[in-house]
Amino acid sequence: MLNTDNSTYWTTEISPKSFAKGLGLKELWQKKYLIWLFIKRDITVQFKQTIFGMGWYFISPLFSMFMYIVVFGRIAGIPTDDIPQPVFYLSGICLWEYFAECLTSVSNTFQSNAGLYGKVYFPRLVSPVSVVISKMFRFSLQLATFVMVYLLFVFKGVNLHPTWYLLLFPLLVLIMQGMALGLGLIVSSLTTKYRDLTNFFGVFVSLWMYATPIVYPLSYVSNPTLHTIMLANPMTAVIETFKYGAYGAGEFSWLALAYSFGCMLVLLLVGIAMFNRKQKFFIDTI
């Protein structure tokens, strides 16, 4: 702000981006150094005052794997398409835990950064974007766990058939990131005014996992109507494509994968637009 001849005027105006003015991606790219700082902060905080440190990232999927083997494999007797149960369950656990972690963290963006947002201006999208990227560190360690278990069974002589569809893995990660970011931004924008949606969303994410072929193969759903409903879940094609690429079992469809990609784009655009619009009222409503 400048004062000249008793007149006051602003040289720079900071205002939330509306959808009509753009999604604010240019400004986000200009502040990429800030994203890196947030990523370093998120990773560092996760290891503070812990006993096992990064060990938890290996323990968590293994613990879930053993629980699924006992409950769904032994007690419920759900088949796994002739794939060893540890390999089958871990393939779904790694992807779903990354998606669910990103989704939950992004949906709490406004609440978890309320103090920071009220003190200093920076592109608000920096926070959720950094969360999605920082969770990749945990995801990579859990994938390493899956690879070790996978190779263990290969060395034992189990006949696993990886296919070239495994090359689609970067696209699968992109779809998960886009959906988690987009849907998380939508939920975050809504929960600033309706706080009780946070509790509902936690239950929704838990139920969503069971509507995704994580603990059972898609081929296990023989009812045509239920099978169609399962394919309407955009995460189904992501999980099934990874399984089909990793060990040649499951169902793969380019149409289903394109549907998941389309859902990701819609959620991402709507989420960013709602998030940018909600910035105008955030400090007043939080």
C-alpha atoms as a PDB file:
ATOM      1  CA  MET A   1       0.000   0.000   0.000  1.00  0.00           C
ATOM      2  CA  LEU A   2       1.386   3.451  -0.941  1.00  0.00           C
ATOM      3  CA  ASN A   3       0.616   6.896   0.460  1.00  0.00           C
ATOM      4  CA  THR A   4       1.010   9.791  -2.005  1.00  0.00           C
ATOM      5  CA  ASP A   5      -0.609  13.190  -1.550  1.00  0.00           C
ATOM      6  CA  ASN A   6      -2.930  11.835   1.131  1.00  0.00           C
ATOM      7  CA  SER A   7      -4.256   9.223  -1.308  1.00  0.00           C
ATOM      8  CA  THR A   8      -4.210   5.517  -0.572  1.00  0.00           C
ATOM      9  CA  TYR A   9      -4.239   2.749  -3.112  1.00  0.00           C
ATOM     10  CA  TRP A  10      -3.212  -0.901  -3.329  1.00  0.00           C
ATOM     11  CA  THR A  11      -0.491  -2.142  -5.631  1.00  0.00           C
ATOM     12  CA  THR A  12      -1.310  -5.829  -5.055  1.00  0.00           C
ATOM     13  CA  GLU A  13      -4.639  -7.442  -4.332  1.00  0.00           C
ATOM     14  CA  ILE A  14      -4.877 -10.957  -2.895  1.00  0.00           C
ATOM     15  CA  SER A  15      -8.210 -12.677  -3.386  1.00  0.00           C
ATOM     16  CA  PRO A  16      -9.483 -16.253  -3.633  1.00  0.00           C
ATOM     17  CA  LYS A  17      -9.642 -17.713  -7.106  1.00  0.00           C
ATOM     18  CA  SER A  18     -13.074 -18.373  -8.531  1.00  0.00           C
ATOM     19  CA  PHE A  19     -13.695 -21.034 -11.121  1.00  0.00           C
ATOM     20  CA  ALA A  20     -14.300 -18.371 -13.739  1.00  0.00           C
ATOM     21  CA  LYS A  21     -10.907 -16.774 -13.060  1.00  0.00           C
ATOM     22  CA  GLY A  22      -9.059 -20.057 -13.164  1.00  0.00           C
ATOM     23  CA  LEU A  23      -8.118 -22.859 -10.821  1.00  0.00           C
ATOM     24  CA  GLY A  24      -5.080 -21.133  -9.388  1.00  0.00           C
ATOM     25  CA  LEU A  25      -2.699 -23.736 -10.779  1.00  0.00           C
ATOM     26  CA  LYS A  26      -0.263 -21.141 -12.117  1.00  0.00           C
ATOM     27  CA  GLU A  27       0.120 -19.612  -8.676  1.00  0.00           C
ATOM     28  CA  LEU A  28       0.478 -23.094  -7.199  1.00  0.00           C
ATOM     29  CA  TRP A  29       3.321 -23.863  -9.594  1.00  0.00           C
ATOM     30  CA  GLN A  30       5.055 -20.604  -8.697  1.00  0.00           C
ATOM     31  CA  LYS A  31       5.017 -21.669  -5.031  1.00  0.00           C
ATOM     32  CA  LYS A  32       6.397 -25.165  -5.662  1.00  0.00           C
ATOM     33  CA  TYR A  33       9.220 -24.504  -3.207  1.00  0.00           C
ATOM     34  CA  LEU A  34       6.556 -24.090  -0.511  1.00  0.00           C
ATOM     35  CA  ILE A  35       5.056 -27.441  -1.458  1.00  0.00           C
ATOM     36  CA  TRP A  36       8.471 -29.004  -0.907  1.00  0.00           C
ATOM     37  CA  LEU A  37       8.723 -27.405   2.552  1.00  0.00           C
ATOM     38  CA  PHE A  38       5.285 -28.774   3.485  1.00  0.00           C
ATOM     39  CA  ILE A  39       6.296 -32.224   2.247  1.00  0.00           C
ATOM     40  CA  LYS A  40       9.433 -32.193   4.399  1.00  0.00           C
ATOM     41  CA  ARG A  41       7.370 -31.055   7.384  1.00  0.00           C
ATOM     42  CA  ASP A  42       4.758 -33.782   6.928  1.00  0.00           C
ATOM     43  CA  ILE A  43       7.353 -36.554   6.617  1.00  0.00           C
ATOM     44  CA  THR A  44       9.396 -35.309   9.572  1.00  0.00           C
ATOM     45  CA  VAL A  45       6.392 -34.984  11.890  1.00  0.00           C
ATOM     46  CA  GLN A  46       5.377 -38.585  11.216  1.00  0.00           C
ATOM     47  CA  PHE A  47       8.596 -39.913  12.790  1.00  0.00           C
ATOM     48  CA  LYS A  48       8.756 -37.655  15.843  1.00  0.00           C
ATOM     49  CA  GLN A  49       8.400 -39.391  19.218  1.00  0.00           C
ATOM     50  CA  THR A  50       7.942 -42.857  17.702  1.00  0.00           C
ATOM     51  CA  ILE A  51       9.561 -46.118  18.816  1.00  0.00           C
ATOM     52  CA  PHE A  52       9.796 -47.960  15.522  1.00  0.00           C
ATOM     53  CA  GLY A  53       9.931 -44.952  13.198  1.00  0.00           C
ATOM     54  CA  MET A  54       9.622 -46.092   9.575  1.00  0.00           C
ATOM     55  CA  GLY A  55       9.088 -49.632  10.849  1.00  0.00           C
ATOM     56  CA  TRP A  56       5.416 -48.836  11.329  1.00  0.00           C
ATOM     57  CA  TYR A  57       5.062 -48.502   7.570  1.00  0.00           C
ATOM     58  CA  PHE A  58       6.137 -52.124   7.195  1.00  0.00           C
ATOM     59  CA  ILE A  59       4.236 -53.403  10.231  1.00  0.00           C
ATOM     60  CA  SER A  60       0.882 -51.840   9.296  1.00  0.00           C
ATOM     61  CA  PRO A  61       0.285 -53.644   5.951  1.00  0.00           C
ATOM     62  CA  LEU A  62       1.649 -56.928   7.332  1.00  0.00           C
ATOM     63  CA  PHE A  63      -0.662 -56.726  10.344  1.00  0.00           C
ATOM     64  CA  SER A  64      -3.648 -56.001   8.100  1.00  0.00           C
ATOM     65  CA  MET A  65      -2.597 -58.867   5.831  1.00  0.00           C
ATOM     66  CA  PHE A  66      -2.579 -61.379   8.708  1.00  0.00           C
ATOM     67  CA  MET A  67      -5.968 -60.144   9.931  1.00  0.00           C
ATOM     68  CA  TYR A  68      -7.466 -60.533   6.451  1.00  0.00           C
ATOM     69  CA  ILE A  69      -5.991 -64.014   6.100  1.00  0.00           C
ATOM     70  CA  VAL A  70      -7.612 -65.112   9.384  1.00  0.00           C
ATOM     71  CA  VAL A  71     -10.973 -63.390   8.961  1.00  0.00           C
ATOM     72  CA  PHE A  72     -11.637 -63.508   5.216  1.00  0.00           C
ATOM     73  CA  GLY A  73      -9.375 -66.373   4.175  1.00  0.00           C
ATOM     74  CA  ARG A  74      -9.739 -68.875   7.012  1.00  0.00           C
ATOM     75  CA  ILE A  75     -13.061 -68.034   8.682  1.00  0.00           C
ATOM     76  CA  ALA A  76     -15.103 -66.694   5.742  1.00  0.00           C
ATOM     77  CA  GLY A  77     -13.332 -68.889   3.186  1.00  0.00           C
ATOM     78  CA  ILE A  78     -13.377 -66.265   0.444  1.00  0.00           C
ATOM     79  CA  PRO A  79     -11.277 -67.390  -2.568  1.00  0.00           C
ATOM     80  CA  THR A  80      -8.372 -65.363  -3.949  1.00  0.00           C
ATOM     81  CA  ASP A  81      -8.289 -66.489  -7.617  1.00  0.00           C
ATOM     82  CA  ASP A  82      -5.679 -69.184  -6.760  1.00  0.00           C
ATOM     83  CA  ILE A  83      -3.229 -66.457  -5.738  1.00  0.00           C
ATOM     84  CA  PRO A  84      -1.381 -66.899  -2.412  1.00  0.00           C
ATOM     85  CA  GLN A  85      -3.379 -65.041   0.210  1.00  0.00           C
ATOM     86  CA  PRO A  86      -0.487 -62.822   1.467  1.00  0.00           C
ATOM     87  CA  VAL A  87       0.226 -61.623  -2.083  1.00  0.00           C
ATOM     88  CA  PHE A  88      -3.453 -61.123  -2.912  1.00  0.00           C
ATOM     89  CA  TYR A  89      -4.292 -59.139   0.213  1.00  0.00           C
ATOM     90  CA  LEU A  90      -1.132 -57.030   0.204  1.00  0.00           C
ATOM     91  CA  SER A  91      -1.711 -55.916  -3.385  1.00  0.00           C
ATOM     92  CA  GLY A  92      -5.013 -54.367  -2.386  1.00  0.00           C
ATOM     93  CA  ILE A  93      -3.930 -53.130   1.040  1.00  0.00           C
ATOM     94  CA  CYS A  94      -1.016 -51.060  -0.288  1.00  0.00           C
ATOM     95  CA  LEU A  95      -3.103 -49.207  -2.850  1.00  0.00           C
ATOM     96  CA  TRP A  96      -6.159 -48.726  -0.670  1.00  0.00           C
ATOM     97  CA  GLU A  97      -4.255 -47.495   2.389  1.00  0.00           C
ATOM     98  CA  TYR A  98      -2.500 -44.871   0.286  1.00  0.00           C
ATOM     99  CA  PHE A  99      -5.774 -43.728  -1.249  1.00  0.00           C
ATOM    100  CA  ALA A 100      -7.636 -43.691   2.084  1.00  0.00           C
ATOM    101  CA  GLU A 101      -4.809 -41.876   3.888  1.00  0.00           C
ATOM    102  CA  CYS A 102      -4.683 -39.169   1.218  1.00  0.00           C
ATOM    103  CA  LEU A 103      -8.451 -38.841   1.124  1.00  0.00           C
ATOM    104  CA  THR A 104      -8.816 -38.515   4.897  1.00  0.00           C
ATOM    105  CA  SER A 105      -5.925 -36.068   5.271  1.00  0.00           C
ATOM    106  CA  VAL A 106      -7.072 -33.833   2.402  1.00  0.00           C
ATOM    107  CA  SER A 107     -10.636 -33.783   3.754  1.00  0.00           C
ATOM    108  CA  ASN A 108      -9.260 -32.292   7.004  1.00  0.00           C
ATOM    109  CA  THR A 109      -7.255 -29.574   5.238  1.00  0.00           C
ATOM    110  CA  PHE A 110      -9.169 -26.566   6.549  1.00  0.00           C
ATOM    111  CA  GLN A 111      -9.398 -27.850  10.123  1.00  0.00           C
ATOM    112  CA  SER A 112      -5.773 -28.972  10.413  1.00  0.00           C
ATOM    113  CA  ASN A 113      -4.396 -25.721   8.946  1.00  0.00           C
ATOM    114  CA  ALA A 114      -6.877 -23.266  10.476  1.00  0.00           C
ATOM    115  CA  GLY A 115      -4.246 -21.479  12.574  1.00  0.00           C
ATOM    116  CA  LEU A 116      -1.829 -21.136   9.685  1.00  0.00           C
ATOM    117  CA  TYR A 117      -4.463 -19.965   7.218  1.00  0.00           C
ATOM    118  CA  GLY A 118      -5.552 -17.215   9.600  1.00  0.00           C
ATOM    119  CA  LYS A 119      -2.055 -15.736   9.925  1.00  0.00           C
ATOM    120  CA  VAL A 120      -0.399 -15.729   6.521  1.00  0.00           C
ATOM    121  CA  TYR A 121      -1.410 -15.899   2.877  1.00  0.00           C
ATOM    122  CA  PHE A 122      -0.178 -18.558   0.490  1.00  0.00           C
ATOM    123  CA  PRO A 123      -1.994 -20.623  -2.152  1.00  0.00           C
ATOM    124  CA  ARG A 124      -4.263 -22.810  -0.039  1.00  0.00           C
ATOM    125  CA  LEU A 125      -3.927 -25.694  -2.479  1.00  0.00           C
ATOM    126  CA  VAL A 126      -0.322 -26.060  -1.321  1.00  0.00           C
ATOM    127  CA  SER A 127      -1.493 -27.918   1.804  1.00  0.00           C
ATOM    128  CA  PRO A 128      -3.608 -30.690   0.216  1.00  0.00           C
ATOM    129  CA  VAL A 129      -1.222 -31.148  -2.717  1.00  0.00           C
ATOM    130  CA  SER A 130       1.744 -31.547  -0.364  1.00  0.00           C
ATOM    131  CA  VAL A 131      -0.198 -34.128   1.656  1.00  0.00           C
ATOM    132  CA  VAL A 132      -0.851 -36.276  -1.411  1.00  0.00           C
ATOM    133  CA  ILE A 133       2.822 -36.134  -2.399  1.00  0.00           C
ATOM    134  CA  SER A 134       4.222 -36.710   1.109  1.00  0.00           C
ATOM    135  CA  LYS A 135       2.075 -39.837   1.530  1.00  0.00           C
ATOM    136  CA  MET A 136       3.999 -41.269  -1.417  1.00  0.00           C
ATOM    137  CA  PHE A 137       6.908 -41.908   0.955  1.00  0.00           C
ATOM    138  CA  ARG A 138       4.825 -44.265   3.065  1.00  0.00           C
ATOM    139  CA  PHE A 139       3.283 -45.756  -0.043  1.00  0.00           C
ATOM    140  CA  SER A 140       6.699 -46.592  -1.509  1.00  0.00           C
ATOM    141  CA  LEU A 141       7.743 -48.412   1.683  1.00  0.00           C
ATOM    142  CA  GLN A 142       4.542 -50.425   1.732  1.00  0.00           C
ATOM    143  CA  LEU A 143       5.016 -51.301  -1.930  1.00  0.00           C
ATOM    144  CA  ALA A 144       8.499 -52.509  -1.030  1.00  0.00           C
ATOM    145  CA  THR A 145       6.866 -54.803   1.529  1.00  0.00           C
ATOM    146  CA  PHE A 146       4.563 -56.168  -1.164  1.00  0.00           C
ATOM    147  CA  VAL A 147       7.493 -56.742  -3.546  1.00  0.00           C
ATOM    148  CA  MET A 148       9.433 -58.651  -0.875  1.00  0.00           C
ATOM    149  CA  VAL A 149       6.479 -60.926  -0.093  1.00  0.00           C
ATOM    150  CA  TYR A 150       5.844 -61.344  -3.832  1.00  0.00           C
ATOM    151  CA  LEU A 151       9.446 -62.378  -4.518  1.00  0.00           C
ATOM    152  CA  LEU A 152       9.391 -64.732  -1.543  1.00  0.00           C
ATOM    153  CA  PHE A 153       6.585 -66.731  -3.125  1.00  0.00           C
ATOM    154  CA  VAL A 154       8.283 -66.616  -6.530  1.00  0.00           C
ATOM    155  CA  PHE A 155      11.441 -68.119  -5.014  1.00  0.00           C
ATOM    156  CA  LYS A 156       9.269 -70.791  -3.377  1.00  0.00           C
ATOM    157  CA  GLY A 157       8.113 -71.819  -6.841  1.00  0.00           C
ATOM    158  CA  VAL A 158       4.622 -70.321  -6.842  1.00  0.00           C
ATOM    159  CA  ASN A 159       3.515 -69.677 -10.415  1.00  0.00           C
ATOM    160  CA  LEU A 160       2.785 -65.942 -10.605  1.00  0.00           C
ATOM    161  CA  HIS A 161       2.383 -64.302 -14.005  1.00  0.00           C
ATOM    162  CA  PRO A 162       3.114 -60.550 -14.126  1.00  0.00           C
ATOM    163  CA  THR A 163       1.900 -58.932 -17.333  1.00  0.00           C
ATOM    164  CA  TRP A 164       2.829 -55.796 -19.257  1.00  0.00           C
ATOM    165  CA  TYR A 165      -0.276 -54.111 -17.816  1.00  0.00           C
ATOM    166  CA  LEU A 166       1.903 -53.481 -14.773  1.00  0.00           C
ATOM    167  CA  LEU A 167       3.385 -50.618 -16.815  1.00  0.00           C
ATOM    168  CA  LEU A 168       0.102 -48.798 -16.196  1.00  0.00           C
ATOM    169  CA  PHE A 169       1.030 -48.465 -12.532  1.00  0.00           C
ATOM    170  CA  PRO A 170       2.011 -44.732 -12.773  1.00  0.00           C
ATOM    171  CA  LEU A 171      -1.398 -44.036 -14.312  1.00  0.00           C
ATOM    172  CA  LEU A 172      -3.090 -45.919 -11.472  1.00  0.00           C
ATOM    173  CA  VAL A 173      -1.221 -43.821  -8.915  1.00  0.00           C
ATOM    174  CA  LEU A 174      -2.227 -40.646 -10.759  1.00  0.00           C
ATOM    175  CA  ILE A 175      -5.888 -41.693 -10.732  1.00  0.00           C
ATOM    176  CA  MET A 176      -5.769 -42.438  -6.998  1.00  0.00           C
ATOM    177  CA  GLN A 177      -4.074 -39.128  -6.266  1.00  0.00           C
ATOM    178  CA  GLY A 178      -6.543 -37.156  -8.380  1.00  0.00           C
ATOM    179  CA  MET A 179      -9.597 -38.828  -6.849  1.00  0.00           C
ATOM    180  CA  ALA A 180      -8.297 -38.475  -3.298  1.00  0.00           C
ATOM    181  CA  LEU A 181      -7.415 -34.823  -3.871  1.00  0.00           C
ATOM    182  CA  GLY A 182     -10.652 -33.937  -5.651  1.00  0.00           C
ATOM    183  CA  LEU A 183     -13.058 -35.734  -3.311  1.00  0.00           C
ATOM    184  CA  GLY A 184     -11.052 -34.651  -0.277  1.00  0.00           C
ATOM    185  CA  LEU A 185     -11.299 -30.994  -1.329  1.00  0.00           C
ATOM    186  CA  ILE A 186     -15.058 -31.349  -1.800  1.00  0.00           C
ATOM    187  CA  VAL A 187     -15.492 -32.842   1.663  1.00  0.00           C
ATOM    188  CA  SER A 188     -13.133 -30.282   3.212  1.00  0.00           C
ATOM    189  CA  SER A 189     -15.158 -27.459   1.673  1.00  0.00           C
ATOM    190  CA  LEU A 190     -18.411 -28.885   3.033  1.00  0.00           C
ATOM    191  CA  THR A 191     -17.165 -29.685   6.537  1.00  0.00           C
ATOM    192  CA  THR A 192     -16.158 -26.083   7.230  1.00  0.00           C
ATOM    193  CA  LYS A 193     -19.876 -25.382   7.664  1.00  0.00           C
ATOM    194  CA  TYR A 194     -21.263 -28.834   8.439  1.00  0.00           C
ATOM    195  CA  ARG A 195     -18.873 -30.296  11.016  1.00  0.00           C
ATOM    196  CA  ASP A 196     -20.803 -33.532  11.545  1.00  0.00           C
ATOM    197  CA  LEU A 197     -19.993 -34.573   7.958  1.00  0.00           C
ATOM    198  CA  THR A 198     -16.503 -35.430   9.216  1.00  0.00           C
ATOM    199  CA  ASN A 199     -17.855 -38.345  11.259  1.00  0.00           C
ATOM    200  CA  PHE A 200     -20.053 -39.530   8.400  1.00  0.00           C
ATOM    201  CA  PHE A 201     -17.160 -39.376   5.966  1.00  0.00           C
ATOM    202  CA  GLY A 202     -14.982 -41.565   8.196  1.00  0.00           C
ATOM    203  CA  VAL A 203     -17.660 -44.269   8.123  1.00  0.00           C
ATOM    204  CA  PHE A 204     -18.119 -43.782   4.372  1.00  0.00           C
ATOM    205  CA  VAL A 205     -14.418 -44.402   3.657  1.00  0.00           C
ATOM    206  CA  SER A 206     -14.482 -47.593   5.758  1.00  0.00           C
ATOM    207  CA  LEU A 207     -17.543 -48.903   3.918  1.00  0.00           C
ATOM    208  CA  TRP A 208     -16.050 -47.894   0.566  1.00  0.00           C
ATOM    209  CA  MET A 209     -13.200 -50.322   1.135  1.00  0.00           C
ATOM    210  CA  TYR A 210     -15.619 -53.257   1.333  1.00  0.00           C
ATOM    211  CA  ALA A 211     -17.304 -52.061  -1.866  1.00  0.00           C
ATOM    212  CA  THR A 212     -13.890 -52.349  -3.555  1.00  0.00           C
ATOM    213  CA  PRO A 213     -12.313 -55.744  -4.404  1.00  0.00           C
ATOM    214  CA  ILE A 214      -9.637 -55.592  -1.698  1.00  0.00           C
ATOM    215  CA  VAL A 215     -10.444 -58.666   0.398  1.00  0.00           C
ATOM    216  CA  TYR A 216     -12.146 -60.570  -2.412  1.00  0.00           C
ATOM    217  CA  PRO A 217     -11.664 -60.848  -6.186  1.00  0.00           C
ATOM    218  CA  LEU A 218     -14.135 -59.187  -8.528  1.00  0.00           C
ATOM    219  CA  SER A 219     -14.834 -62.624 -10.035  1.00  0.00           C
ATOM    220  CA  TYR A 220     -16.291 -63.621  -6.656  1.00  0.00           C
ATOM    221  CA  VAL A 221     -19.219 -61.239  -7.289  1.00  0.00           C
ATOM    222  CA  SER A 222     -21.337 -63.460  -9.534  1.00  0.00           C
ATOM    223  CA  ASN A 223     -24.595 -61.492  -9.337  1.00  0.00           C
ATOM    224  CA  PRO A 224     -24.792 -59.390 -12.550  1.00  0.00           C
ATOM    225  CA  THR A 225     -26.430 -56.421 -10.811  1.00  0.00           C
ATOM    226  CA  LEU A 226     -23.901 -56.354  -7.982  1.00  0.00           C
ATOM    227  CA  HIS A 227     -21.086 -56.816 -10.495  1.00  0.00           C
ATOM    228  CA  THR A 228     -22.268 -53.744 -12.407  1.00  0.00           C
ATOM    229  CA  ILE A 229     -22.522 -51.751  -9.176  1.00  0.00           C
ATOM    230  CA  MET A 230     -18.979 -52.801  -8.307  1.00  0.00           C
ATOM    231  CA  LEU A 231     -17.719 -51.538 -11.662  1.00  0.00           C
ATOM    232  CA  ALA A 232     -19.442 -48.207 -10.980  1.00  0.00           C
ATOM    233  CA  ASN A 233     -16.955 -47.777  -8.140  1.00  0.00           C
ATOM    234  CA  PRO A 234     -14.018 -45.909  -9.780  1.00  0.00           C
ATOM    235  CA  MET A 235     -11.518 -47.585  -7.447  1.00  0.00           C
ATOM    236  CA  THR A 236     -12.491 -51.054  -8.682  1.00  0.00           C
ATOM    237  CA  ALA A 237     -10.736 -50.677 -12.044  1.00  0.00           C
ATOM    238  CA  VAL A 238      -7.625 -49.304 -10.328  1.00  0.00           C
ATOM    239  CA  ILE A 239      -7.317 -52.262  -7.937  1.00  0.00           C
ATOM    240  CA  GLU A 240      -8.171 -54.870 -10.557  1.00  0.00           C
ATOM    241  CA  THR A 241      -5.735 -53.419 -13.103  1.00  0.00           C
ATOM    242  CA  PHE A 242      -2.896 -53.542 -10.579  1.00  0.00           C
ATOM    243  CA  LYS A 243      -3.719 -57.126  -9.624  1.00  0.00           C
ATOM    244  CA  TYR A 244      -3.982 -58.140 -13.269  1.00  0.00           C
ATOM    245  CA  GLY A 245      -0.620 -56.566 -13.978  1.00  0.00           C
ATOM    246  CA  ALA A 246       1.091 -57.976 -10.872  1.00  0.00           C
ATOM    247  CA  TYR A 247       0.084 -61.616 -11.141  1.00  0.00           C
ATOM    248  CA  GLY A 248      -2.180 -62.052 -14.154  1.00  0.00           C
ATOM    249  CA  ALA A 249      -5.384 -62.662 -12.192  1.00  0.00           C
ATOM    250  CA  GLY A 250      -8.487 -60.502 -12.018  1.00  0.00           C
ATOM    251  CA  GLU A 251     -10.376 -58.493 -14.596  1.00  0.00           C
ATOM    252  CA  PHE A 252      -9.029 -55.770 -16.851  1.00  0.00           C
ATOM    253  CA  SER A 253     -10.992 -53.407 -19.043  1.00  0.00           C
ATOM    254  CA  TRP A 254      -9.803 -50.307 -20.897  1.00  0.00           C
ATOM    255  CA  LEU A 255     -13.350 -48.959 -20.684  1.00  0.00           C
ATOM    256  CA  ALA A 256     -13.450 -49.372 -16.895  1.00  0.00           C
ATOM    257  CA  LEU A 257     -10.042 -47.719 -16.551  1.00  0.00           C
ATOM    258  CA  ALA A 258     -11.147 -44.821 -18.770  1.00  0.00           C
ATOM    259  CA  TYR A 259     -14.252 -44.458 -16.584  1.00  0.00           C
ATOM    260  CA  SER A 260     -12.067 -44.217 -13.468  1.00  0.00           C
ATOM    261  CA  PHE A 261      -9.872 -41.615 -15.165  1.00  0.00           C
ATOM    262  CA  GLY A 262     -12.947 -39.587 -16.152  1.00  0.00           C
ATOM    263  CA  CYS A 263     -14.302 -39.710 -12.596  1.00  0.00           C
ATOM    264  CA  MET A 264     -10.928 -38.502 -11.363  1.00  0.00           C
ATOM    265  CA  LEU A 265     -10.947 -35.491 -13.694  1.00  0.00           C
ATOM    266  CA  VAL A 266     -14.504 -34.511 -12.711  1.00  0.00           C
ATOM    267  CA  LEU A 267     -13.818 -34.837  -8.977  1.00  0.00           C
ATOM    268  CA  LEU A 268     -10.571 -32.901  -9.300  1.00  0.00           C
ATOM    269  CA  LEU A 269     -12.085 -29.969 -11.208  1.00  0.00           C
ATOM    270  CA  VAL A 270     -15.156 -29.754  -8.965  1.00  0.00           C
ATOM    271  CA  GLY A 271     -13.035 -30.134  -5.829  1.00  0.00           C
ATOM    272  CA  ILE A 272     -10.591 -27.355  -6.750  1.00  0.00           C
ATOM    273  CA  ALA A 273     -13.435 -25.052  -7.793  1.00  0.00           C
ATOM    274  CA  MET A 274     -15.314 -25.603  -4.508  1.00  0.00           C
ATOM    275  CA  PHE A 275     -12.128 -25.285  -2.471  1.00  0.00           C
ATOM    276  CA  ASN A 276     -11.191 -21.983  -4.095  1.00  0.00           C
ATOM    277  CA  ARG A 277     -14.689 -20.616  -3.625  1.00  0.00           C
ATOM    278  CA  LYS A 278     -14.816 -21.658   0.042  1.00  0.00           C
ATOM    279  CA  GLN A 279     -11.669 -19.705   0.831  1.00  0.00           C
ATOM    280  CA  LYS A 280     -13.737 -16.514   0.869  1.00  0.00           C
ATOM    281  CA  PHE A 281     -15.686 -17.678   3.937  1.00  0.00           C
ATOM    282  CA  PHE A 282     -13.258 -20.070   5.592  1.00  0.00           C
ATOM    283  CA  ILE A 283     -11.941 -17.856   8.386  1.00  0.00           C
ATOM    284  CA  ASP A 284     -15.487 -16.728   9.283  1.00  0.00           C
ATOM    285  CA  THR A 285     -16.994 -20.218   9.422  1.00  0.00           C
ATOM    286  CA  ILE A 286     -14.222 -22.434  10.834  1.00  0.00           C
END
